[in-house]
């Protein structure tokens, strides 16, 4: 079980952040189009329990992800489990047959940079705009405080105001935007 230590921020310009990342010798890993298909459990409301369950579709893979509740009030840090799938349609049919309900689809363009050991994702979502997500995956909750401090220090070097962190998921932002 891994802990995904993550912080998210609304940004004005992906290009400005990219310029800074290149100056700091961050490496562009890839640019991907992602489609996240979110589902709700038949017996409990993930919006109320602060959980997330999705199938992420991209050109190279399909990943089923469960995210547990956030573990602090400042970041989006939570337990995360991922499973690679081979067929999107079959996976969706299984979930629908088990009573899971489709909630929404979030489509984004994501530019993924590696800056030292921190993953920086620069995301553009059509109706929401541009965002930066910084994440570091650690093996257990014991390493989480140190990882969060490390992320904050890196973000401050980019001029990101830490107090403006966004704890809502893209799904929550999208549903609130309707």
N, C-alpha and C. Protein backbone atom coordinates (compact mmCIF):
# COMPACT_ATOMS: atom_id res chain seq x y z
N UNK A 1 0.84 -1.17 0.00
CA UNK A 1 0.00 0.00 0.00
C UNK A 1 0.89 1.24 0.00
N UNK A 2 0.65 2.11 -0.94
CA UNK A 2 1.44 3.33 -1.06
C UNK A 2 0.61 4.53 -0.63
N UNK A 3 1.32 5.57 -0.23
CA UNK A 3 0.68 6.85 0.10
C UNK A 3 1.09 7.84 -0.97
N UNK A 4 0.11 8.43 -1.61
CA UNK A 4 0.37 9.46 -2.61
C UNK A 4 0.28 10.81 -1.92
N UNK A 5 1.43 11.45 -1.73
CA UNK A 5 1.48 12.79 -1.13
C UNK A 5 1.34 13.77 -2.29
N UNK A 6 0.25 14.54 -2.28
CA UNK A 6 -0.06 15.37 -3.44
C UNK A 6 -0.59 16.73 -3.03
N UNK A 7 -0.15 17.75 -3.76
CA UNK A 7 -0.68 19.11 -3.58
C UNK A 7 -1.05 19.65 -4.96
N UNK A 8 -2.18 20.36 -5.02
CA UNK A 8 -2.70 20.88 -6.29
C UNK A 8 -2.93 22.38 -6.18
N UNK A 9 -2.66 23.08 -7.31
CA UNK A 9 -2.83 24.53 -7.35
C UNK A 9 -3.37 24.95 -8.71
N UNK A 10 -4.23 25.95 -8.71
CA UNK A 10 -4.68 26.59 -9.95
C UNK A 10 -3.53 27.47 -10.40
N UNK A 11 -3.21 27.46 -11.69
CA UNK A 11 -2.14 28.31 -12.22
C UNK A 11 -2.67 29.12 -13.40
N UNK A 12 -2.04 30.26 -13.63
CA UNK A 12 -2.45 31.13 -14.74
C UNK A 12 -1.89 30.62 -16.06
N UNK A 13 -0.66 30.11 -16.02
CA UNK A 13 0.02 29.77 -17.27
C UNK A 13 0.87 28.51 -17.13
N UNK A 14 0.53 27.50 -17.89
CA UNK A 14 1.35 26.29 -17.94
C UNK A 14 2.73 26.63 -18.51
N UNK A 15 2.76 27.48 -19.52
CA UNK A 15 4.02 27.85 -20.18
C UNK A 15 5.00 28.49 -19.20
N UNK A 16 4.52 29.39 -18.34
CA UNK A 16 5.40 30.04 -17.36
C UNK A 16 6.01 29.02 -16.40
N UNK A 17 5.21 28.08 -15.93
CA UNK A 17 5.72 27.05 -15.01
C UNK A 17 6.70 26.14 -15.75
N UNK A 18 6.38 25.78 -16.99
CA UNK A 18 7.29 24.93 -17.78
C UNK A 18 8.65 25.59 -17.93
N UNK A 19 8.65 26.88 -18.19
CA UNK A 19 9.91 27.62 -18.34
C UNK A 19 10.75 27.49 -17.06
N UNK A 20 10.10 27.69 -15.91
CA UNK A 20 10.82 27.57 -14.63
C UNK A 20 11.33 26.15 -14.41
N UNK A 21 10.50 25.16 -14.73
CA UNK A 21 10.92 23.77 -14.55
C UNK A 21 12.14 23.44 -15.40
N UNK A 22 12.14 23.89 -16.64
CA UNK A 22 13.28 23.65 -17.53
C UNK A 22 14.53 24.33 -16.98
N UNK A 23 14.37 25.56 -16.48
CA UNK A 23 15.50 26.27 -15.86
C UNK A 23 16.08 25.50 -14.68
N UNK A 24 15.20 24.80 -13.95
CA UNK A 24 15.63 24.05 -12.77
C UNK A 24 16.00 22.60 -13.13
N UNK A 25 16.12 22.33 -14.42
CA UNK A 25 16.56 21.05 -14.95
C UNK A 25 15.58 19.90 -14.71
N UNK A 26 14.30 20.24 -14.58
CA UNK A 26 13.28 19.19 -14.55
C UNK A 26 13.18 18.59 -15.94
N UNK A 27 12.84 17.33 -15.99
CA UNK A 27 12.78 16.61 -17.28
C UNK A 27 11.33 16.29 -17.64
N UNK A 28 10.95 16.70 -18.86
CA UNK A 28 9.64 16.34 -19.37
C UNK A 28 9.63 14.83 -19.63
N UNK A 29 8.72 14.13 -18.98
CA UNK A 29 8.62 12.67 -19.14
C UNK A 29 7.70 12.30 -20.30
N UNK A 30 6.53 12.97 -20.34
CA UNK A 30 5.59 12.70 -21.43
C UNK A 30 4.43 13.68 -21.39
N UNK A 31 3.73 13.74 -22.50
CA UNK A 31 2.50 14.52 -22.62
C UNK A 31 1.42 13.52 -22.99
N UNK A 32 0.35 13.50 -22.20
CA UNK A 32 -0.70 12.50 -22.42
C UNK A 32 -2.08 13.14 -22.38
N UNK A 33 -2.98 12.54 -23.11
CA UNK A 33 -4.41 12.85 -23.00
C UNK A 33 -4.99 11.77 -22.09
N UNK A 34 -5.68 12.21 -21.03
CA UNK A 34 -6.27 11.24 -20.11
C UNK A 34 -7.77 11.47 -19.99
N UNK A 35 -8.47 10.37 -19.87
CA UNK A 35 -9.91 10.42 -19.64
C UNK A 35 -10.18 9.61 -18.39
N UNK A 36 -10.66 10.26 -17.34
CA UNK A 36 -10.95 9.60 -16.08
C UNK A 36 -12.45 9.36 -15.96
N UNK A 37 -12.84 8.08 -15.89
CA UNK A 37 -14.24 7.68 -15.75
C UNK A 37 -14.49 7.41 -14.26
N UNK A 38 -15.24 8.28 -13.60
CA UNK A 38 -15.50 8.14 -12.16
C UNK A 38 -16.79 7.37 -11.90
N UNK A 39 -16.75 6.56 -10.85
CA UNK A 39 -17.90 5.75 -10.46
C UNK A 39 -18.20 5.95 -8.98
N UNK A 40 -19.48 5.77 -8.63
CA UNK A 40 -19.88 5.80 -7.23
C UNK A 40 -20.32 4.40 -6.81
N UNK A 41 -20.07 4.09 -5.56
CA UNK A 41 -20.40 2.79 -4.98
C UNK A 41 -21.92 2.66 -4.85
N UNK A 42 -22.47 1.45 -5.03
CA UNK A 42 -23.92 1.31 -4.92
C UNK A 42 -24.47 1.49 -3.49
N UNK A 43 -23.64 1.28 -2.47
CA UNK A 43 -24.14 1.34 -1.09
C UNK A 43 -23.58 2.49 -0.26
N UNK A 44 -22.63 3.22 -0.78
CA UNK A 44 -22.14 4.39 -0.05
C UNK A 44 -21.73 5.47 -1.04
N UNK A 45 -21.85 6.70 -0.59
CA UNK A 45 -21.57 7.85 -1.45
C UNK A 45 -20.12 8.27 -1.27
N UNK A 46 -19.31 8.06 -2.31
CA UNK A 46 -17.89 8.40 -2.22
C UNK A 46 -17.68 9.90 -1.98
N UNK A 47 -18.59 10.74 -2.42
CA UNK A 47 -18.47 12.18 -2.16
C UNK A 47 -18.53 12.44 -0.65
N UNK A 48 -19.36 11.68 0.06
CA UNK A 48 -19.48 11.85 1.52
C UNK A 48 -18.34 11.19 2.28
N UNK A 49 -17.83 10.08 1.76
CA UNK A 49 -16.76 9.36 2.47
C UNK A 49 -15.37 9.82 2.04
N UNK A 50 -15.31 10.78 1.10
CA UNK A 50 -14.05 11.36 0.63
C UNK A 50 -13.16 10.32 -0.05
N UNK A 51 -13.79 9.42 -0.80
CA UNK A 51 -13.07 8.40 -1.55
C UNK A 51 -13.23 8.68 -3.04
N UNK A 52 -12.41 8.03 -3.85
CA UNK A 52 -12.53 8.16 -5.30
C UNK A 52 -12.29 6.80 -5.93
N UNK A 53 -13.06 6.51 -6.98
CA UNK A 53 -12.94 5.25 -7.69
C UNK A 53 -13.09 5.56 -9.18
N UNK A 54 -12.06 5.24 -9.95
CA UNK A 54 -12.08 5.63 -11.36
C UNK A 54 -11.36 4.62 -12.23
N UNK A 55 -11.64 4.74 -13.53
CA UNK A 55 -10.84 4.07 -14.54
C UNK A 55 -10.21 5.18 -15.36
N UNK A 56 -8.88 5.19 -15.43
CA UNK A 56 -8.15 6.19 -16.22
C UNK A 56 -7.75 5.57 -17.55
N UNK A 57 -8.17 6.24 -18.61
CA UNK A 57 -7.89 5.78 -19.97
C UNK A 57 -6.90 6.75 -20.61
N UNK A 58 -5.81 6.21 -21.13
CA UNK A 58 -4.87 7.02 -21.90
C UNK A 58 -4.40 6.17 -23.08
N UNK A 59 -3.57 6.74 -23.93
CA UNK A 59 -3.16 6.04 -25.16
C UNK A 59 -2.45 4.72 -24.86
N UNK A 60 -1.67 4.68 -23.78
CA UNK A 60 -0.83 3.51 -23.53
C UNK A 60 -1.37 2.52 -22.51
N UNK A 61 -2.34 2.95 -21.68
CA UNK A 61 -2.82 2.02 -20.67
C UNK A 61 -4.19 2.40 -20.12
N UNK A 62 -4.74 1.47 -19.36
CA UNK A 62 -6.01 1.65 -18.66
C UNK A 62 -5.75 1.23 -17.22
N UNK A 63 -6.02 2.15 -16.29
CA UNK A 63 -5.71 1.89 -14.88
C UNK A 63 -6.97 2.07 -14.03
N UNK A 64 -7.28 1.06 -13.22
CA UNK A 64 -8.35 1.15 -12.23
C UNK A 64 -7.71 1.67 -10.95
N UNK A 65 -8.30 2.72 -10.36
CA UNK A 65 -7.72 3.34 -9.16
C UNK A 65 -8.78 3.52 -8.09
N UNK A 66 -8.40 3.14 -6.86
CA UNK A 66 -9.19 3.47 -5.67
C UNK A 66 -8.34 4.39 -4.81
N UNK A 67 -8.93 5.51 -4.38
CA UNK A 67 -8.24 6.43 -3.47
C UNK A 67 -9.05 6.53 -2.19
N UNK A 68 -8.38 6.30 -1.05
CA UNK A 68 -9.04 6.42 0.24
C UNK A 68 -9.22 7.88 0.63
N UNK A 69 -9.82 8.11 1.81
CA UNK A 69 -10.03 9.48 2.27
C UNK A 69 -8.70 10.23 2.45
N UNK A 70 -8.74 11.54 2.27
CA UNK A 70 -7.55 12.38 2.49
C UNK A 70 -7.15 12.29 3.96
N UNK A 71 -5.84 12.35 4.21
CA UNK A 71 -5.38 12.15 5.59
C UNK A 71 -4.94 13.43 6.29
N UNK A 72 -5.04 14.58 5.63
CA UNK A 72 -4.77 15.84 6.33
C UNK A 72 -5.65 16.94 5.74
N UNK A 73 -5.58 18.13 6.34
CA UNK A 73 -6.44 19.23 5.92
C UNK A 73 -5.75 20.18 4.94
N UNK A 74 -4.49 19.90 4.61
CA UNK A 74 -3.73 20.82 3.77
C UNK A 74 -3.49 20.29 2.36
N UNK A 75 -3.35 18.99 2.24
CA UNK A 75 -2.98 18.43 0.94
C UNK A 75 -4.05 17.44 0.48
N UNK A 76 -3.74 16.75 -0.62
CA UNK A 76 -4.63 15.72 -1.13
C UNK A 76 -4.06 14.33 -0.85
N UNK A 77 -3.24 14.22 0.18
CA UNK A 77 -2.55 12.98 0.51
C UNK A 77 -3.54 11.90 0.93
N UNK A 78 -3.36 10.70 0.34
CA UNK A 78 -4.27 9.59 0.65
C UNK A 78 -3.65 8.27 0.21
N UNK A 79 -4.20 7.18 0.73
CA UNK A 79 -3.81 5.86 0.25
C UNK A 79 -4.35 5.69 -1.16
N UNK A 80 -3.56 5.04 -2.01
CA UNK A 80 -3.98 4.84 -3.39
C UNK A 80 -3.59 3.44 -3.84
N UNK A 81 -4.54 2.80 -4.52
CA UNK A 81 -4.32 1.47 -5.08
C UNK A 81 -4.60 1.52 -6.58
N UNK A 82 -3.70 0.99 -7.38
CA UNK A 82 -3.84 1.00 -8.84
C UNK A 82 -3.73 -0.42 -9.38
N UNK A 83 -4.51 -0.68 -10.42
CA UNK A 83 -4.48 -1.98 -11.08
C UNK A 83 -4.59 -1.76 -12.58
N UNK A 84 -3.62 -2.28 -13.33
CA UNK A 84 -3.67 -2.13 -14.78
C UNK A 84 -4.71 -3.10 -15.36
N UNK A 85 -5.49 -2.58 -16.30
CA UNK A 85 -6.54 -3.36 -16.96
C UNK A 85 -6.20 -3.51 -18.44
N UNK A 86 -6.83 -4.48 -19.08
CA UNK A 86 -6.57 -4.67 -20.51
C UNK A 86 -7.73 -4.21 -21.39
N UNK A 87 -8.93 -4.06 -20.81
CA UNK A 87 -10.09 -3.72 -21.64
C UNK A 87 -11.02 -2.77 -20.90
N UNK A 88 -11.12 -1.54 -21.38
CA UNK A 88 -11.97 -0.51 -20.75
C UNK A 88 -13.43 -0.94 -20.74
N UNK A 89 -13.94 -1.40 -21.86
CA UNK A 89 -15.36 -1.74 -21.96
C UNK A 89 -15.76 -2.87 -21.01
N UNK A 90 -14.94 -3.89 -20.93
CA UNK A 90 -15.24 -5.00 -20.02
C UNK A 90 -15.20 -4.52 -18.57
N UNK A 91 -14.21 -3.71 -18.22
CA UNK A 91 -14.11 -3.18 -16.86
C UNK A 91 -15.36 -2.37 -16.51
N UNK A 92 -15.79 -1.51 -17.43
CA UNK A 92 -17.00 -0.71 -17.17
C UNK A 92 -18.22 -1.61 -17.02
N UNK A 93 -18.34 -2.62 -17.85
CA UNK A 93 -19.49 -3.54 -17.77
C UNK A 93 -19.51 -4.28 -16.43
N UNK A 94 -18.33 -4.70 -15.96
CA UNK A 94 -18.26 -5.37 -14.66
C UNK A 94 -18.74 -4.43 -13.56
N UNK A 95 -18.23 -3.20 -13.56
CA UNK A 95 -18.63 -2.24 -12.52
C UNK A 95 -20.13 -1.95 -12.58
N UNK A 96 -20.66 -1.74 -13.77
CA UNK A 96 -22.10 -1.48 -13.92
C UNK A 96 -22.92 -2.68 -13.45
N UNK A 97 -22.46 -3.89 -13.76
CA UNK A 97 -23.16 -5.11 -13.34
C UNK A 97 -23.16 -5.26 -11.82
N UNK A 98 -22.13 -4.74 -11.17
CA UNK A 98 -22.04 -4.80 -9.71
C UNK A 98 -22.81 -3.67 -9.03
N UNK A 99 -23.40 -2.78 -9.83
CA UNK A 99 -24.22 -1.71 -9.26
C UNK A 99 -23.51 -0.38 -9.13
N UNK A 100 -22.26 -0.29 -9.57
CA UNK A 100 -21.57 1.00 -9.53
C UNK A 100 -22.23 1.94 -10.53
N UNK A 101 -22.30 3.22 -10.17
CA UNK A 101 -22.95 4.22 -11.01
C UNK A 101 -21.91 5.16 -11.61
N UNK A 102 -21.97 5.41 -12.93
CA UNK A 102 -21.07 6.40 -13.52
C UNK A 102 -21.42 7.79 -12.99
N UNK A 103 -20.41 8.56 -12.63
CA UNK A 103 -20.62 9.91 -12.09
C UNK A 103 -20.31 10.96 -13.14
N UNK A 104 -19.11 10.90 -13.70
CA UNK A 104 -18.68 11.88 -14.70
C UNK A 104 -17.39 11.41 -15.34
N UNK A 105 -17.05 12.06 -16.44
CA UNK A 105 -15.76 11.82 -17.11
C UNK A 105 -14.99 13.13 -17.09
N UNK A 106 -13.75 13.08 -16.62
CA UNK A 106 -12.87 14.24 -16.61
C UNK A 106 -11.79 14.00 -17.67
N UNK A 107 -11.75 14.88 -18.67
CA UNK A 107 -10.75 14.77 -19.74
C UNK A 107 -9.71 15.86 -19.56
N UNK A 108 -8.44 15.49 -19.72
CA UNK A 108 -7.39 16.49 -19.55
C UNK A 108 -6.18 16.18 -20.41
N UNK A 109 -5.43 17.26 -20.69
CA UNK A 109 -4.10 17.10 -21.25
C UNK A 109 -3.14 17.26 -20.09
N UNK A 110 -2.22 16.32 -19.95
CA UNK A 110 -1.28 16.33 -18.81
C UNK A 110 0.14 16.29 -19.33
N UNK A 111 0.94 17.26 -18.86
CA UNK A 111 2.38 17.26 -19.13
C UNK A 111 3.05 16.83 -17.83
N UNK A 112 3.81 15.76 -17.90
CA UNK A 112 4.42 15.19 -16.70
C UNK A 112 5.92 15.45 -16.70
N UNK A 113 6.36 16.15 -15.65
CA UNK A 113 7.78 16.46 -15.46
C UNK A 113 8.28 15.71 -14.23
N UNK A 114 9.55 15.34 -14.26
CA UNK A 114 10.21 14.81 -13.08
C UNK A 114 11.25 15.83 -12.65
N UNK A 115 11.10 16.33 -11.43
CA UNK A 115 12.01 17.33 -10.88
C UNK A 115 12.62 16.73 -9.63
N UNK A 116 13.85 16.31 -9.75
CA UNK A 116 14.52 15.50 -8.73
C UNK A 116 13.66 14.25 -8.57
N UNK A 117 13.05 14.01 -7.40
CA UNK A 117 12.20 12.82 -7.28
C UNK A 117 10.71 13.17 -7.17
N UNK A 118 10.37 14.41 -7.47
CA UNK A 118 8.98 14.86 -7.38
C UNK A 118 8.37 14.90 -8.78
N UNK A 119 7.19 14.34 -8.91
CA UNK A 119 6.46 14.39 -10.17
C UNK A 119 5.62 15.66 -10.19
N UNK A 120 5.80 16.46 -11.23
CA UNK A 120 5.02 17.68 -11.43
C UNK A 120 4.14 17.46 -12.65
N UNK A 121 2.83 17.54 -12.44
CA UNK A 121 1.88 17.40 -13.54
C UNK A 121 1.27 18.76 -13.84
N UNK A 122 1.34 19.17 -15.09
CA UNK A 122 0.71 20.40 -15.54
C UNK A 122 -0.50 19.99 -16.36
N UNK A 123 -1.67 20.29 -15.82
CA UNK A 123 -2.92 19.79 -16.40
C UNK A 123 -3.75 20.91 -16.98
N UNK A 124 -4.37 20.62 -18.12
CA UNK A 124 -5.36 21.54 -18.68
C UNK A 124 -6.67 20.78 -18.83
N UNK A 125 -7.71 21.30 -18.16
CA UNK A 125 -9.05 20.72 -18.23
C UNK A 125 -9.94 21.76 -18.88
N UNK A 126 -10.60 21.38 -19.95
CA UNK A 126 -11.37 22.30 -20.80
C UNK A 126 -12.19 23.33 -20.03
N UNK A 127 -13.06 22.91 -19.14
CA UNK A 127 -13.96 23.85 -18.47
C UNK A 127 -13.40 24.43 -17.17
N UNK A 128 -12.25 23.93 -16.73
CA UNK A 128 -11.70 24.37 -15.44
C UNK A 128 -10.44 25.21 -15.56
N UNK A 129 -9.65 25.01 -16.62
CA UNK A 129 -8.42 25.77 -16.78
C UNK A 129 -7.18 24.95 -16.49
N UNK A 130 -6.13 25.65 -16.03
CA UNK A 130 -4.80 25.05 -15.86
C UNK A 130 -4.47 24.83 -14.38
N UNK A 131 -3.81 23.71 -14.11
CA UNK A 131 -3.47 23.34 -12.74
C UNK A 131 -2.08 22.73 -12.69
N UNK A 132 -1.48 22.81 -11.51
CA UNK A 132 -0.22 22.12 -11.22
C UNK A 132 -0.50 21.14 -10.09
N UNK A 133 -0.08 19.90 -10.27
CA UNK A 133 -0.12 18.91 -9.20
C UNK A 133 1.31 18.45 -8.96
N UNK A 134 1.71 18.46 -7.70
CA UNK A 134 3.03 17.95 -7.33
C UNK A 134 2.81 16.73 -6.45
N UNK A 135 3.51 15.64 -6.77
CA UNK A 135 3.29 14.44 -5.97
C UNK A 135 4.57 13.64 -5.77
N UNK A 136 4.54 12.93 -4.67
CA UNK A 136 5.63 12.04 -4.29
C UNK A 136 4.96 10.83 -3.65
N UNK A 137 5.27 9.65 -4.13
CA UNK A 137 4.68 8.44 -3.58
C UNK A 137 5.65 7.85 -2.57
N UNK A 138 5.14 7.57 -1.36
CA UNK A 138 5.97 6.99 -0.29
C UNK A 138 5.34 5.67 0.15
N UNK A 139 6.17 4.76 0.70
CA UNK A 139 5.66 3.43 1.03
C UNK A 139 4.66 3.38 2.19
N UNK A 140 4.73 4.35 3.12
CA UNK A 140 3.82 4.29 4.28
C UNK A 140 3.59 5.70 4.84
N UNK A 141 2.63 5.79 5.75
CA UNK A 141 2.30 7.08 6.36
C UNK A 141 3.47 7.66 7.16
N UNK A 142 4.39 6.81 7.58
CA UNK A 142 5.55 7.27 8.36
C UNK A 142 6.38 8.28 7.58
N UNK A 143 6.51 8.08 6.26
CA UNK A 143 7.33 8.97 5.42
C UNK A 143 6.56 10.19 4.91
N UNK A 144 5.27 10.23 5.15
CA UNK A 144 4.42 11.27 4.59
C UNK A 144 4.79 12.70 5.03
N UNK A 145 5.03 12.99 6.33
CA UNK A 145 5.34 14.38 6.70
C UNK A 145 6.59 14.93 6.01
N UNK A 146 7.62 14.11 5.92
CA UNK A 146 8.87 14.53 5.27
C UNK A 146 8.64 14.78 3.76
N UNK A 147 7.85 13.93 3.14
CA UNK A 147 7.55 14.09 1.71
C UNK A 147 6.76 15.37 1.46
N UNK A 148 5.81 15.67 2.34
CA UNK A 148 5.00 16.89 2.17
C UNK A 148 5.88 18.13 2.31
N UNK A 149 6.79 18.12 3.26
CA UNK A 149 7.73 19.24 3.44
C UNK A 149 8.60 19.41 2.20
N UNK A 150 9.06 18.31 1.65
CA UNK A 150 9.91 18.35 0.45
C UNK A 150 9.14 18.96 -0.73
N UNK A 151 7.90 18.54 -0.92
CA UNK A 151 7.07 19.09 -2.00
C UNK A 151 6.90 20.59 -1.82
N UNK A 152 6.58 21.01 -0.61
CA UNK A 152 6.37 22.45 -0.34
C UNK A 152 7.62 23.26 -0.69
N UNK A 153 8.79 22.77 -0.31
CA UNK A 153 10.03 23.49 -0.60
C UNK A 153 10.23 23.64 -2.10
N UNK A 154 9.95 22.59 -2.85
CA UNK A 154 10.09 22.66 -4.31
C UNK A 154 9.08 23.64 -4.91
N UNK A 155 7.85 23.60 -4.44
CA UNK A 155 6.82 24.49 -4.97
C UNK A 155 7.14 25.95 -4.68
N UNK A 156 7.68 26.21 -3.51
CA UNK A 156 8.06 27.59 -3.17
C UNK A 156 9.12 28.11 -4.14
N UNK A 157 10.00 27.24 -4.62
CA UNK A 157 11.01 27.64 -5.61
C UNK A 157 10.37 28.04 -6.94
N UNK A 158 9.15 27.57 -7.18
CA UNK A 158 8.42 27.94 -8.40
C UNK A 158 7.53 29.16 -8.18
N UNK A 159 7.56 29.71 -6.96
CA UNK A 159 6.73 30.87 -6.66
C UNK A 159 5.28 30.52 -6.35
N UNK A 160 5.01 29.26 -6.07
CA UNK A 160 3.65 28.82 -5.74
C UNK A 160 3.35 29.19 -4.29
N UNK A 161 2.18 29.80 -4.09
CA UNK A 161 1.75 30.16 -2.73
C UNK A 161 1.08 28.94 -2.11
N UNK A 162 1.77 28.33 -1.16
CA UNK A 162 1.34 27.07 -0.56
C UNK A 162 -0.06 27.18 0.06
N UNK A 163 -0.38 28.33 0.62
CA UNK A 163 -1.68 28.49 1.28
C UNK A 163 -2.84 28.44 0.28
N UNK A 164 -2.55 28.48 -1.01
CA UNK A 164 -3.61 28.44 -2.04
C UNK A 164 -3.84 27.02 -2.57
N UNK A 165 -3.41 26.04 -1.81
CA UNK A 165 -3.60 24.65 -2.22
C UNK A 165 -5.09 24.33 -2.40
N UNK A 166 -5.37 23.47 -3.36
CA UNK A 166 -6.74 23.04 -3.64
C UNK A 166 -6.84 21.58 -3.23
N UNK A 167 -7.77 21.27 -2.33
CA UNK A 167 -7.93 19.89 -1.88
C UNK A 167 -8.98 19.12 -2.67
N UNK A 168 -9.76 19.83 -3.46
CA UNK A 168 -10.81 19.16 -4.23
C UNK A 168 -10.21 18.46 -5.45
N UNK A 169 -10.82 17.35 -5.81
CA UNK A 169 -10.41 16.63 -7.02
C UNK A 169 -10.96 17.36 -8.24
N UNK A 170 -10.44 17.00 -9.40
CA UNK A 170 -10.99 17.57 -10.64
C UNK A 170 -12.47 17.22 -10.77
N UNK A 171 -12.85 16.03 -10.33
CA UNK A 171 -14.26 15.64 -10.38
C UNK A 171 -15.10 16.59 -9.54
N UNK A 172 -14.67 16.86 -8.30
CA UNK A 172 -15.42 17.78 -7.44
C UNK A 172 -15.49 19.17 -8.06
N UNK A 173 -14.38 19.65 -8.59
CA UNK A 173 -14.37 20.98 -9.22
C UNK A 173 -15.31 21.02 -10.42
N UNK A 174 -15.30 19.96 -11.21
CA UNK A 174 -16.16 19.89 -12.39
C UNK A 174 -17.64 19.86 -11.99
N UNK A 175 -17.98 19.04 -11.00
CA UNK A 175 -19.37 18.96 -10.56
C UNK A 175 -19.84 20.26 -9.93
N UNK A 176 -18.95 20.95 -9.21
CA UNK A 176 -19.29 22.25 -8.60
C UNK A 176 -19.43 23.34 -9.66
N UNK A 177 -18.80 23.14 -10.81
CA UNK A 177 -18.78 24.13 -11.89
C UNK A 177 -20.04 24.08 -12.76
N UNK A 178 -20.82 23.01 -12.61
CA UNK A 178 -22.02 22.83 -13.46
C UNK A 178 -23.15 23.73 -13.02
